[in-house]
Amino acid sequence: MKKQVHTFESDLEEKLRDPEFASAYIMSAIVENDLGFLPIALGDVAKAHGISKLAQETGINRRTLYKVFDKNGNPSFELVTQIAQSLGLELSVKPKGKKKKAS
């Protein structure tokens, strides 16, 4: 009997198929104001769902998608929104929680 080996990447990819986990993963880049990680996070979720499928659904060719998801990618808000929607995610803005005053 062969033992199945899990790698970090394969485990992450599996988890990123879950919309709740994918949402938290992408939001972590936004909350941390790490805009350099945002295209990578979005790309990780896209790869978990299939780049070919995303390209077909969005009408954006694969080469362009890979450029968007590169660490130097600088996708427009419109493109991020379009990709997120195709991945079953939506973007929203909410008020920040109030900071507690020190006693």
PDB file of N, CA and C in Angstrom:
ATOM      1  N   MET A   1       0.847  -1.179   0.000  1.00  0.00           N
ATOM      2  CA  MET A   1       0.000   0.000   0.000  1.00  0.00           C
ATOM      3  C   MET A   1       0.892   1.242   0.000  1.00  0.00           C
ATOM      4  N   LYS A   2       0.646   2.116  -0.959  1.00  0.00           N
ATOM      5  CA  LYS A   2       1.434   3.323  -1.105  1.00  0.00           C
ATOM      6  C   LYS A   2       0.850   4.436  -0.233  1.00  0.00           C
ATOM      7  N   LYS A   3       1.727   5.091   0.512  1.00  0.00           N
ATOM      8  CA  LYS A   3       1.291   6.188   1.368  1.00  0.00           C
ATOM      9  C   LYS A   3       1.226   7.470   0.529  1.00  0.00           C
ATOM     10  N   GLN A   4       0.097   8.182   0.627  1.00  0.00           N
ATOM     11  CA  GLN A   4      -0.072   9.430  -0.116  1.00  0.00           C
ATOM     12  C   GLN A   4       0.644  10.557   0.631  1.00  0.00           C
ATOM     13  N   VAL A   5       1.484  11.291  -0.092  1.00  0.00           N
ATOM     14  CA  VAL A   5       2.240  12.377   0.496  1.00  0.00           C
ATOM     15  C   VAL A   5       1.530  13.692   0.221  1.00  0.00           C
ATOM     16  N   HIS A   6       1.333  14.463   1.279  1.00  0.00           N
ATOM     17  CA  HIS A   6       0.735  15.788   1.142  1.00  0.00           C
ATOM     18  C   HIS A   6       1.832  16.830   1.289  1.00  0.00           C
ATOM     19  N   THR A   7       1.805  17.774   0.400  1.00  0.00           N
ATOM     20  CA  THR A   7       2.736  18.884   0.506  1.00  0.00           C
ATOM     21  C   THR A   7       1.961  20.102   0.995  1.00  0.00           C
ATOM     22  N   PHE A   8       2.698  21.100   1.434  1.00  0.00           N
ATOM     23  CA  PHE A   8       2.067  22.337   1.863  1.00  0.00           C
ATOM     24  C   PHE A   8       1.205  22.897   0.739  1.00  0.00           C
ATOM     25  N   GLU A   9       1.764  22.902  -0.480  1.00  0.00           N
ATOM     26  CA  GLU A   9       1.047  23.461  -1.624  1.00  0.00           C
ATOM     27  C   GLU A   9      -0.239  22.696  -1.918  1.00  0.00           C
ATOM     28  N   SER A  10      -0.178  21.361  -1.860  1.00  0.00           N
ATOM     29  CA  SER A  10      -1.387  20.589  -2.165  1.00  0.00           C
ATOM     30  C   SER A  10      -2.444  20.759  -1.071  1.00  0.00           C
ATOM     31  N   ASP A  11      -2.005  20.858   0.185  1.00  0.00           N
ATOM     32  CA  ASP A  11      -2.953  21.088   1.279  1.00  0.00           C
ATOM     33  C   ASP A  11      -3.590  22.472   1.157  1.00  0.00           C
ATOM     34  N   LEU A  12      -2.757  23.479   0.846  1.00  0.00           N
ATOM     35  CA  LEU A  12      -3.273  24.837   0.685  1.00  0.00           C
ATOM     36  C   LEU A  12      -4.258  24.894  -0.471  1.00  0.00           C
ATOM     37  N   GLU A  13      -3.914  24.271  -1.589  1.00  0.00           N
ATOM     38  CA  GLU A  13      -4.794  24.264  -2.753  1.00  0.00           C
ATOM     39  C   GLU A  13      -6.143  23.651  -2.412  1.00  0.00           C
ATOM     40  N   GLU A  14      -6.122  22.569  -1.664  1.00  0.00           N
ATOM     41  CA  GLU A  14      -7.373  21.917  -1.261  1.00  0.00           C
ATOM     42  C   GLU A  14      -8.209  22.853  -0.390  1.00  0.00           C
ATOM     43  N   LYS A  15      -7.562  23.506   0.567  1.00  0.00           N
ATOM     44  CA  LYS A  15      -8.280  24.424   1.465  1.00  0.00           C
ATOM     45  C   LYS A  15      -8.823  25.629   0.715  1.00  0.00           C
ATOM     46  N   LEU A  16      -8.102  26.091  -0.311  1.00  0.00           N
ATOM     47  CA  LEU A  16      -8.527  27.276  -1.060  1.00  0.00           C
ATOM     48  C   LEU A  16      -9.750  27.024  -1.923  1.00  0.00           C
ATOM     49  N   ARG A  17     -10.157  25.789  -2.061  1.00  0.00           N
ATOM     50  CA  ARG A  17     -11.396  25.478  -2.784  1.00  0.00           C
ATOM     51  C   ARG A  17     -12.621  25.788  -1.925  1.00  0.00           C
ATOM     52  N   ASP A  18     -12.398  25.924  -0.605  1.00  0.00           N
ATOM     53  CA  ASP A  18     -13.469  26.273   0.325  1.00  0.00           C
ATOM     54  C   ASP A  18     -13.654  27.793   0.294  1.00  0.00           C
ATOM     55  N   PRO A  19     -14.855  28.289  -0.061  1.00  0.00           N
ATOM     56  CA  PRO A  19     -15.065  29.732  -0.181  1.00  0.00           C
ATOM     57  C   PRO A  19     -14.751  30.516   1.100  1.00  0.00           C
ATOM     58  N   GLU A  20     -15.059  29.964   2.257  1.00  0.00           N
ATOM     59  CA  GLU A  20     -14.775  30.660   3.522  1.00  0.00           C
ATOM     60  C   GLU A  20     -13.269  30.830   3.721  1.00  0.00           C
ATOM     61  N   PHE A  21     -12.520  29.765   3.493  1.00  0.00           N
ATOM     62  CA  PHE A  21     -11.068  29.826   3.656  1.00  0.00           C
ATOM     63  C   PHE A  21     -10.457  30.754   2.611  1.00  0.00           C
ATOM     64  N   ALA A  22     -10.914  30.631   1.363  1.00  0.00           N
ATOM     65  CA  ALA A  22     -10.395  31.473   0.286  1.00  0.00           C
ATOM     66  C   ALA A  22     -10.637  32.947   0.580  1.00  0.00           C
ATOM     67  N   SER A  23     -11.811  33.256   1.076  1.00  0.00           N
ATOM     68  CA  SER A  23     -12.157  34.629   1.427  1.00  0.00           C
ATOM     69  C   SER A  23     -11.227  35.159   2.515  1.00  0.00           C
ATOM     70  N   ALA A  24     -11.011  34.382   3.554  1.00  0.00           N
ATOM     71  CA  ALA A  24     -10.121  34.799   4.651  1.00  0.00           C
ATOM     72  C   ALA A  24      -8.683  34.957   4.166  1.00  0.00           C
ATOM     73  N   TYR A  25      -8.265  34.098   3.276  1.00  0.00           N
ATOM     74  CA  TYR A  25      -6.903  34.131   2.730  1.00  0.00           C
ATOM     75  C   TYR A  25      -6.665  35.424   1.954  1.00  0.00           C
ATOM     76  N   ILE A  26      -7.608  35.767   1.090  1.00  0.00           N
ATOM     77  CA  ILE A  26      -7.483  36.995   0.312  1.00  0.00           C
ATOM     78  C   ILE A  26      -7.631  38.219   1.210  1.00  0.00           C
ATOM     79  N   MET A  27      -8.574  38.172   2.143  1.00  0.00           N
ATOM     80  CA  MET A  27      -8.779  39.307   3.048  1.00  0.00           C
ATOM     81  C   MET A  27      -7.556  39.571   3.913  1.00  0.00           C
ATOM     82  N   SER A  28      -6.780  38.545   4.210  1.00  0.00           N
ATOM     83  CA  SER A  28      -5.581  38.757   5.031  1.00  0.00           C
ATOM     84  C   SER A  28      -4.620  39.713   4.333  1.00  0.00           C
ATOM     85  N   ALA A  29      -4.522  39.636   3.021  1.00  0.00           N
ATOM     86  CA  ALA A  29      -3.661  40.551   2.269  1.00  0.00           C
ATOM     87  C   ALA A  29      -4.207  41.974   2.346  1.00  0.00           C
ATOM     88  N   ILE A  30      -5.512  42.103   2.286  1.00  0.00           N
ATOM     89  CA  ILE A  30      -6.134  43.424   2.322  1.00  0.00           C
ATOM     90  C   ILE A  30      -6.029  44.026   3.720  1.00  0.00           C
ATOM     91  N   VAL A  31      -6.362  43.239   4.734  1.00  0.00           N
ATOM     92  CA  VAL A  31      -6.318  43.724   6.117  1.00  0.00           C
ATOM     93  C   VAL A  31      -4.905  44.130   6.519  1.00  0.00           C
ATOM     94  N   GLU A  32      -3.927  43.358   6.073  1.00  0.00           N
ATOM     95  CA  GLU A  32      -2.535  43.653   6.399  1.00  0.00           C
ATOM     96  C   GLU A  32      -1.949  44.726   5.492  1.00  0.00           C
ATOM     97  N   ASN A  33      -2.779  45.233   4.560  1.00  0.00           N
ATOM     98  CA  ASN A  33      -2.353  46.255   3.597  1.00  0.00           C
ATOM     99  C   ASN A  33      -1.139  45.784   2.797  1.00  0.00           C
ATOM    100  N   ASP A  34      -1.128  44.495   2.496  1.00  0.00           N
ATOM    101  CA  ASP A  34      -0.040  43.898   1.725  1.00  0.00           C
ATOM    102  C   ASP A  34      -0.495  43.754   0.278  1.00  0.00           C
ATOM    103  N   LEU A  35      -0.491  44.866  -0.427  1.00  0.00           N
ATOM    104  CA  LEU A  35      -0.994  44.859  -1.797  1.00  0.00           C
ATOM    105  C   LEU A  35      -0.096  44.077  -2.741  1.00  0.00           C
ATOM    106  N   GLY A  36       1.139  43.806  -2.335  1.00  0.00           N
ATOM    107  CA  GLY A  36       2.015  42.963  -3.133  1.00  0.00           C
ATOM    108  C   GLY A  36       1.613  41.500  -3.056  1.00  0.00           C
ATOM    109  N   PHE A  37       0.982  41.110  -1.940  1.00  0.00           N
ATOM    110  CA  PHE A  37       0.535  39.728  -1.776  1.00  0.00           C
ATOM    111  C   PHE A  37      -0.848  39.508  -2.374  1.00  0.00           C
ATOM    112  N   LEU A  38      -1.618  40.571  -2.533  1.00  0.00           N
ATOM    113  CA  LEU A  38      -2.990  40.424  -3.024  1.00  0.00           C
ATOM    114  C   LEU A  38      -3.079  39.678  -4.351  1.00  0.00           C
ATOM    115  N   PRO A  39      -2.306  40.044  -5.394  1.00  0.00           N
ATOM    116  CA  PRO A  39      -2.422  39.283  -6.644  1.00  0.00           C
ATOM    117  C   PRO A  39      -1.981  37.826  -6.486  1.00  0.00           C
ATOM    118  N   ILE A  40      -1.016  37.579  -5.613  1.00  0.00           N
ATOM    119  CA  ILE A  40      -0.560  36.204  -5.376  1.00  0.00           C
ATOM    120  C   ILE A  40      -1.661  35.399  -4.696  1.00  0.00           C
ATOM    121  N   ALA A  41      -2.298  35.993  -3.682  1.00  0.00           N
ATOM    122  CA  ALA A  41      -3.390  35.310  -2.974  1.00  0.00           C
ATOM    123  C   ALA A  41      -4.538  35.009  -3.927  1.00  0.00           C
ATOM    124  N   LEU A  42      -4.887  35.992  -4.734  1.00  0.00           N
ATOM    125  CA  LEU A  42      -5.951  35.796  -5.714  1.00  0.00           C
ATOM    126  C   LEU A  42      -5.563  34.706  -6.707  1.00  0.00           C
ATOM    127  N   GLY A  43      -4.303  34.694  -7.100  1.00  0.00           N
ATOM    128  CA  GLY A  43      -3.807  33.663  -8.012  1.00  0.00           C
ATOM    129  C   GLY A  43      -3.826  32.281  -7.400  1.00  0.00           C
ATOM    130  N   ASP A  44      -3.483  32.182  -6.119  1.00  0.00           N
ATOM    131  CA  ASP A  44      -3.523  30.887  -5.441  1.00  0.00           C
ATOM    132  C   ASP A  44      -4.941  30.319  -5.439  1.00  0.00           C
ATOM    133  N   VAL A  45      -5.912  31.186  -5.167  1.00  0.00           N
ATOM    134  CA  VAL A  45      -7.311  30.738  -5.175  1.00  0.00           C
ATOM    135  C   VAL A  45      -7.723  30.356  -6.594  1.00  0.00           C
ATOM    136  N   ALA A  46      -7.323  31.163  -7.567  1.00  0.00           N
ATOM    137  CA  ALA A  46      -7.658  30.865  -8.964  1.00  0.00           C
ATOM    138  C   ALA A  46      -7.066  29.529  -9.396  1.00  0.00           C
ATOM    139  N   LYS A  47      -5.812  29.277  -9.034  1.00  0.00           N
ATOM    140  CA  LYS A  47      -5.162  28.007  -9.402  1.00  0.00           C
ATOM    141  C   LYS A  47      -5.870  26.828  -8.754  1.00  0.00           C
ATOM    142  N   ALA A  48      -6.347  27.007  -7.532  1.00  0.00           N
ATOM    143  CA  ALA A  48      -7.070  25.928  -6.845  1.00  0.00           C
ATOM    144  C   ALA A  48      -8.366  25.582  -7.574  1.00  0.00           C
ATOM    145  N   HIS A  49      -8.946  26.575  -8.231  1.00  0.00           N
ATOM    146  CA  HIS A  49     -10.202  26.368  -8.960  1.00  0.00           C
ATOM    147  C   HIS A  49      -9.977  26.048 -10.426  1.00  0.00           C
ATOM    148  N   GLY A  50      -8.775  26.302 -10.926  1.00  0.00           N
ATOM    149  CA  GLY A  50      -8.438  26.016 -12.315  1.00  0.00           C
ATOM    150  C   GLY A  50      -8.344  27.277 -13.160  1.00  0.00           C
ATOM    151  N   ILE A  51      -7.130  27.580 -13.612  1.00  0.00           N
ATOM    152  CA  ILE A  51      -6.902  28.774 -14.429  1.00  0.00           C
ATOM    153  C   ILE A  51      -7.665  28.681 -15.751  1.00  0.00           C
ATOM    154  N   SER A  52      -7.689  27.515 -16.358  1.00  0.00           N
ATOM    155  CA  SER A  52      -8.399  27.357 -17.644  1.00  0.00           C
ATOM    156  C   SER A  52      -9.879  27.665 -17.487  1.00  0.00           C
ATOM    157  N   LYS A  53     -10.465  27.155 -16.420  1.00  0.00           N
ATOM    158  CA  LYS A  53     -11.883  27.399 -16.155  1.00  0.00           C
ATOM    159  C   LYS A  53     -12.130  28.889 -15.928  1.00  0.00           C
ATOM    160  N   LEU A  54     -11.249  29.532 -15.164  1.00  0.00           N
ATOM    161  CA  LEU A  54     -11.378  30.966 -14.902  1.00  0.00           C
ATOM    162  C   LEU A  54     -11.250  31.762 -16.196  1.00  0.00           C
ATOM    163  N   ALA A  55     -10.292  31.397 -17.028  1.00  0.00           N
ATOM    164  CA  ALA A  55     -10.096  32.083 -18.309  1.00  0.00           C
ATOM    165  C   ALA A  55     -11.354  31.980 -19.157  1.00  0.00           C
ATOM    166  N   GLN A  56     -11.934  30.813 -19.174  1.00  0.00           N
ATOM    167  CA  GLN A  56     -13.148  30.587 -19.966  1.00  0.00           C
ATOM    168  C   GLN A  56     -14.313  31.415 -19.421  1.00  0.00           C
ATOM    169  N   GLU A  57     -14.481  31.449 -18.104  1.00  0.00           N
ATOM    170  CA  GLU A  57     -15.593  32.171 -17.491  1.00  0.00           C
ATOM    171  C   GLU A  57     -15.459  33.690 -17.608  1.00  0.00           C
ATOM    172  N   THR A  58     -14.230  34.195 -17.526  1.00  0.00           N
ATOM    173  CA  THR A  58     -14.017  35.641 -17.537  1.00  0.00           C
ATOM    174  C   THR A  58     -13.748  36.203 -18.920  1.00  0.00           C
ATOM    175  N   GLY A  59     -13.331  35.353 -19.849  1.00  0.00           N
ATOM    176  CA  GLY A  59     -12.949  35.826 -21.168  1.00  0.00           C
ATOM    177  C   GLY A  59     -11.555  36.445 -21.182  1.00  0.00           C
ATOM    178  N   ILE A  60     -10.815  36.250 -20.087  1.00  0.00           N
ATOM    179  CA  ILE A  60      -9.443  36.756 -19.982  1.00  0.00           C
ATOM    180  C   ILE A  60      -8.518  35.588 -20.308  1.00  0.00           C
ATOM    181  N   ASN A  61      -7.570  35.797 -21.234  1.00  0.00           N
ATOM    182  CA  ASN A  61      -6.730  34.663 -21.607  1.00  0.00           C
ATOM    183  C   ASN A  61      -5.784  34.265 -20.471  1.00  0.00           C
ATOM    184  N   ARG A  62      -5.348  33.022 -20.522  1.00  0.00           N
ATOM    185  CA  ARG A  62      -4.516  32.446 -19.457  1.00  0.00           C
ATOM    186  C   ARG A  62      -3.231  33.238 -19.231  1.00  0.00           C
ATOM    187  N   ARG A  63      -2.595  33.647 -20.312  1.00  0.00           N
ATOM    188  CA  ARG A  63      -1.331  34.385 -20.197  1.00  0.00           C
ATOM    189  C   ARG A  63      -1.541  35.674 -19.391  1.00  0.00           C
ATOM    190  N   THR A  64      -2.622  36.385 -19.687  1.00  0.00           N
ATOM    191  CA  THR A  64      -2.937  37.618 -18.958  1.00  0.00           C
ATOM    192  C   THR A  64      -3.200  37.312 -17.489  1.00  0.00           C
ATOM    193  N   LEU A  65      -3.934  36.240 -17.220  1.00  0.00           N
ATOM    194  CA  LEU A  65      -4.218  35.860 -15.832  1.00  0.00           C
ATOM    195  C   LEU A  65      -2.916  35.577 -15.075  1.00  0.00           C
ATOM    196  N   TYR A  66      -2.011  34.843 -15.689  1.00  0.00           N
ATOM    197  CA  TYR A  66      -0.743  34.549 -15.009  1.00  0.00           C
ATOM    198  C   TYR A  66       0.046  35.830 -14.734  1.00  0.00           C
ATOM    199  N   LYS A  67      -0.028  36.805 -15.642  1.00  0.00           N
ATOM    200  CA  LYS A  67       0.639  38.093 -15.411  1.00  0.00           C
ATOM    201  C   LYS A  67      -0.014  38.831 -14.245  1.00  0.00           C
ATOM    202  N   VAL A  68      -1.333  38.774 -14.175  1.00  0.00           N
ATOM    203  CA  VAL A  68      -2.070  39.426 -13.086  1.00  0.00           C
ATOM    204  C   VAL A  68      -1.678  38.828 -11.744  1.00  0.00           C
ATOM    205  N   PHE A  69      -1.487  37.509 -11.707  1.00  0.00           N
ATOM    206  CA  PHE A  69      -1.213  36.811 -10.455  1.00  0.00           C
ATOM    207  C   PHE A  69       0.271  36.787 -10.088  1.00  0.00           C
ATOM    208  N   ASP A  70       1.105  37.414 -10.888  1.00  0.00           N
ATOM    209  CA  ASP A  70       2.531  37.492 -10.611  1.00  0.00           C
ATOM    210  C   ASP A  70       2.772  38.434  -9.436  1.00  0.00           C
ATOM    211  N   LYS A  71       3.893  38.242  -8.731  1.00  0.00           N
ATOM    212  CA  LYS A  71       4.194  39.108  -7.581  1.00  0.00           C
ATOM    213  C   LYS A  71       4.320  40.567  -7.988  1.00  0.00           C
ATOM    214  N   ASN A  72       4.607  40.831  -9.250  1.00  0.00           N
ATOM    215  CA  ASN A  72       4.678  42.205  -9.743  1.00  0.00           C
ATOM    216  C   ASN A  72       3.387  42.637 -10.432  1.00  0.00           C
ATOM    217  N   GLY A  73       2.387  41.766 -10.362  1.00  0.00           N
ATOM    218  CA  GLY A  73       1.101  42.092 -10.968  1.00  0.00           C
ATOM    219  C   GLY A  73       0.461  43.264 -10.235  1.00  0.00           C
ATOM    220  N   ASN A  74      -0.215  44.085 -10.981  1.00  0.00           N
ATOM    221  CA  ASN A  74      -0.891  45.237 -10.401  1.00  0.00           C
ATOM    222  C   ASN A  74      -2.280  45.319 -11.021  1.00  0.00           C
ATOM    223  N   PRO A  75      -3.146  44.353 -10.646  1.00  0.00           N
ATOM    224  CA  PRO A  75      -4.453  44.294 -11.293  1.00  0.00           C
ATOM    225  C   PRO A  75      -5.327  45.489 -10.913  1.00  0.00           C
ATOM    226  N   SER A  76      -6.159  45.902 -11.847  1.00  0.00           N
ATOM    227  CA  SER A  76      -7.108  46.977 -11.570  1.00  0.00           C
ATOM    228  C   SER A  76      -8.188  46.448 -10.631  1.00  0.00           C
ATOM    229  N   PHE A  77      -8.868  47.367  -9.981  1.00  0.00           N
ATOM    230  CA  PHE A  77      -9.963  46.988  -9.092  1.00  0.00           C
ATOM    231  C   PHE A  77     -11.031  46.241  -9.881  1.00  0.00           C
ATOM    232  N   GLU A  78     -11.292  46.711 -11.099  1.00  0.00           N
ATOM    233  CA  GLU A  78     -12.289  46.071 -11.958  1.00  0.00           C
ATOM    234  C   GLU A  78     -11.912  44.617 -12.242  1.00  0.00           C
ATOM    235  N   LEU A  79     -10.646  44.373 -12.525  1.00  0.00           N
ATOM    236  CA  LEU A  79     -10.184  43.026 -12.819  1.00  0.00           C
ATOM    237  C   LEU A  79     -10.256  42.133 -11.580  1.00  0.00           C
ATOM    238  N   VAL A  80      -9.853  42.659 -10.436  1.00  0.00           N
ATOM    239  CA  VAL A  80      -9.934  41.901  -9.181  1.00  0.00           C
ATOM    240  C   VAL A  80     -11.390  41.523  -8.902  1.00  0.00           C
ATOM    241  N   THR A  81     -12.291  42.469  -9.085  1.00  0.00           N
ATOM    242  CA  THR A  81     -13.712  42.215  -8.852  1.00  0.00           C
ATOM    243  C   THR A  81     -14.248  41.150  -9.801  1.00  0.00           C
ATOM    244  N   GLN A  82     -13.877  41.248 -11.074  1.00  0.00           N
ATOM    245  CA  GLN A  82     -14.329  40.279 -12.068  1.00  0.00           C
ATOM    246  C   GLN A  82     -13.824  38.875 -11.733  1.00  0.00           C
ATOM    247  N   ILE A  83     -12.568  38.777 -11.361  1.00  0.00           N
ATOM    248  CA  ILE A  83     -11.988  37.474 -11.020  1.00  0.00           C
ATOM    249  C   ILE A  83     -12.630  36.923  -9.756  1.00  0.00           C
ATOM    250  N   ALA A  84     -12.783  37.771  -8.743  1.00  0.00           N
ATOM    251  CA  ALA A  84     -13.397  37.328  -7.486  1.00  0.00           C
ATOM    252  C   ALA A  84     -14.806  36.788  -7.732  1.00  0.00           C
ATOM    253  N   GLN A  85     -15.578  37.504  -8.514  1.00  0.00           N
ATOM    254  CA  GLN A  85     -16.941  37.052  -8.808  1.00  0.00           C
ATOM    255  C   GLN A  85     -16.943  35.708  -9.524  1.00  0.00           C
ATOM    256  N   SER A  86     -16.021  35.522 -10.444  1.00  0.00           N
ATOM    257  CA  SER A  86     -15.935  34.242 -11.161  1.00  0.00           C
ATOM    258  C   SER A  86     -15.527  33.104 -10.234  1.00  0.00           C
ATOM    259  N   LEU A  87     -14.835  33.443  -9.149  1.00  0.00           N
ATOM    260  CA  LEU A  87     -14.427  32.434  -8.167  1.00  0.00           C
ATOM    261  C   LEU A  87     -15.487  32.230  -7.080  1.00  0.00           C
ATOM    262  N   GLY A  88     -16.626  32.900  -7.230  1.00  0.00           N
ATOM    263  CA  GLY A  88     -17.707  32.751  -6.261  1.00  0.00           C
ATOM    264  C   GLY A  88     -17.507  33.612  -5.025  1.00  0.00           C
ATOM    265  N   LEU A  89     -16.723  34.679  -5.156  1.00  0.00           N
ATOM    266  CA  LEU A  89     -16.458  35.572  -4.035  1.00  0.00           C
ATOM    267  C   LEU A  89     -16.973  36.965  -4.377  1.00  0.00           C
ATOM    268  N   GLU A  90     -17.229  37.755  -3.351  1.00  0.00           N
ATOM    269  CA  GLU A  90     -17.615  39.141  -3.581  1.00  0.00           C
ATOM    270  C   GLU A  90     -16.819  40.031  -2.647  1.00  0.00           C
ATOM    271  N   LEU A  91     -16.562  41.239  -3.113  1.00  0.00           N
ATOM    272  CA  LEU A  91     -15.823  42.201  -2.310  1.00  0.00           C
ATOM    273  C   LEU A  91     -16.813  43.081  -1.569  1.00  0.00           C
ATOM    274  N   SER A  92     -16.479  43.421  -0.334  1.00  0.00           N
ATOM    275  CA  SER A  92     -17.342  44.309   0.436  1.00  0.00           C
ATOM    276  C   SER A  92     -16.476  45.182   1.338  1.00  0.00           C
ATOM    277  N   VAL A  93     -17.056  46.282   1.773  1.00  0.00           N
ATOM    278  CA  VAL A  93     -16.385  47.203   2.671  1.00  0.00           C
ATOM    279  C   VAL A  93     -17.258  47.331   3.903  1.00  0.00           C
ATOM    280  N   LYS A  94     -16.635  47.325   5.066  1.00  0.00           N
ATOM    281  CA  LYS A  94     -17.400  47.472   6.302  1.00  0.00           C
ATOM    282  C   LYS A  94     -16.644  48.416   7.231  1.00  0.00           C
ATOM    283  N   PRO A  95     -17.347  49.009   8.178  1.00  0.00           N
ATOM    284  CA  PRO A  95     -16.677  49.925   9.097  1.00  0.00           C
ATOM    285  C   PRO A  95     -15.685  49.188   9.989  1.00  0.00           C
ATOM    286  N   LYS A  96     -14.624  49.897  10.324  1.00  0.00           N
ATOM    287  CA  LYS A  96     -13.644  49.332  11.249  1.00  0.00           C
ATOM    288  C   LYS A  96     -14.252  49.213  12.633  1.00  0.00           C
ATOM    289  N   GLY A  97     -13.793  48.233  13.380  1.00  0.00           N
ATOM    290  CA  GLY A  97     -14.230  48.098  14.767  1.00  0.00           C
ATOM    291  C   GLY A  97     -13.644  49.254  15.564  1.00  0.00           C
ATOM    292  N   LYS A  98     -14.391  49.715  16.546  1.00  0.00           N
ATOM    293  CA  LYS A  98     -13.929  50.813  17.384  1.00  0.00           C
ATOM    294  C   LYS A  98     -12.855  50.299  18.330  1.00  0.00           C
ATOM    295  N   LYS A  99     -11.826  51.113  18.514  1.00  0.00           N
ATOM    296  CA  LYS A  99     -10.770  50.758  19.450  1.00  0.00           C
ATOM    297  C   LYS A  99     -11.250  51.021  20.868  1.00  0.00           C
ATOM    298  N   LYS A 100     -10.911  50.135  21.770  1.00  0.00           N
ATOM    299  CA  LYS A 100     -11.274  50.312  23.175  1.00  0.00           C
ATOM    300  C   LYS A 100     -10.336  51.328  23.817  1.00  0.00           C
ATOM    301  N   LYS A 101     -10.890  52.175  24.638  1.00  0.00           N
ATOM    302  CA  LYS A 101     -10.075  53.163  25.350  1.00  0.00           C
ATOM    303  C   LYS A 101      -9.354  52.477  26.501  1.00  0.00           C
ATOM    304  N   ALA A 102      -8.114  52.894  26.721  1.00  0.00           N
ATOM    305  CA  ALA A 102      -7.342  52.345  27.831  1.00  0.00           C
ATOM    306  C   ALA A 102      -7.914  52.887  29.138  1.00  0.00           C
ATOM    307  N   SER A 103      -7.995  52.030  30.132  1.00  0.00           N
ATOM    308  CA  SER A 103      -8.554  52.439  31.437  1.00  0.00           C
ATOM    309  C   SER A 103      -7.519  53.153  32.262  1.00  0.00           C
TER     310      SER A 103
END
